[in-house]
C-alpha atoms as a PDB file:
ATOM      1  CA  MET A   1      11.056   6.157   3.418  1.00  0.00           C
ATOM      2  CA  THR A   2       8.503   7.012   6.070  1.00  0.00           C
ATOM      3  CA  LEU A   3      11.037   7.482   8.877  1.00  0.00           C
ATOM      4  CA  LEU A   4      13.308   9.527   6.620  1.00  0.00           C
ATOM      5  CA  THR A   5      10.354  11.708   5.647  1.00  0.00           C
ATOM      6  CA  ILE A   6       9.481  12.310   9.305  1.00  0.00           C
ATOM      7  CA  ASP A   7      13.092  13.247  10.055  1.00  0.00           C
ATOM      8  CA  LEU A   8      13.173  15.592   7.072  1.00  0.00           C
ATOM      9  CA  TYR A   9       9.945  17.287   8.156  1.00  0.00           C
ATOM     10  CA  GLY A  10      11.325  17.663  11.678  1.00  0.00           C
ATOM     11  CA  ALA A  11      14.471  19.344  10.370  1.00  0.00           C
ATOM     12  CA  LEU A  12      12.612  21.898   8.268  1.00  0.00           C
ATOM     13  CA  PRO A  13      10.721  25.008   9.383  1.00  0.00           C
ATOM     14  CA  GLU A  14       6.991  24.654   8.841  1.00  0.00           C
ATOM     15  CA  SER A  15       6.983  27.012   5.859  1.00  0.00           C
ATOM     16  CA  GLU A  16       9.627  24.864   4.120  1.00  0.00           C
ATOM     17  CA  ARG A  17       7.936  21.499   4.572  1.00  0.00           C
ATOM     18  CA  PRO A  18       6.903  19.866   1.300  1.00  0.00           C
ATOM     19  CA  ALA A  19       3.209  19.239   0.760  1.00  0.00           C
ATOM     20  CA  SER A  20       3.684  15.572  -0.130  1.00  0.00           C
ATOM     21  CA  VAL A  21       6.094  12.649   0.004  1.00  0.00           C
ATOM     22  CA  ASP A  22       6.693  13.021  -3.734  1.00  0.00           C
ATOM     23  CA  LYS A  23       7.820  16.595  -3.208  1.00  0.00           C
ATOM     24  CA  THR A  24      10.005  15.415  -0.319  1.00  0.00           C
ATOM     25  CA  VAL A  25      11.810  12.994  -2.606  1.00  0.00           C
ATOM     26  CA  THR A  26      12.329  15.732  -5.177  1.00  0.00           C
ATOM     27  CA  LEU A  27      13.589  18.143  -2.539  1.00  0.00           C
ATOM     28  CA  MET A  28      16.064  15.566  -1.236  1.00  0.00           C
ATOM     29  CA  SER A  29      17.344  15.015  -4.764  1.00  0.00           C
ATOM     30  CA  VAL A  30      17.948  18.666  -5.664  1.00  0.00           C
ATOM     31  CA  ASP A  31      18.451  20.637  -2.459  1.00  0.00           C
ATOM     32  CA  PRO A  32      22.175  20.952  -1.532  1.00  0.00           C
ATOM     33  CA  ASN A  33      21.212  22.273   1.905  1.00  0.00           C
ATOM     34  CA  ILE A  34      19.997  18.848   3.028  1.00  0.00           C
ATOM     35  CA  PRO A  35      22.791  16.837   4.675  1.00  0.00           C
ATOM     36  CA  PHE A  36      23.945  13.787   2.730  1.00  0.00           C
ATOM     37  CA  SER A  37      23.372  11.687   5.844  1.00  0.00           C
ATOM     38  CA  LEU A  38      19.617  12.204   5.396  1.00  0.00           C
ATOM     39  CA  GLN A  39      19.767  11.199   1.733  1.00  0.00           C
ATOM     40  CA  SER A  40      21.788   8.070   2.505  1.00  0.00           C
ATOM     41  CA  GLY A  41      19.095   6.910   4.907  1.00  0.00           C
ATOM     42  CA  SER A  42      17.407   5.154   1.990  1.00  0.00           C
ATOM     43  CA  GLY A  43      20.286   2.676   1.864  1.00  0.00           C
ATOM     44  CA  ALA A  44      22.216   4.366  -0.942  1.00  0.00           C
END
């Protein structure tokens, strides 16, 4: 999860970065603007 989180942070503008890993997971789950390839990084 750590590497995926770093990649997600790197892909987002600073103002859009979640404040925590928990918020990152939520964002990944509900935000259609995030490519599926990032979501599948967890092994899904």
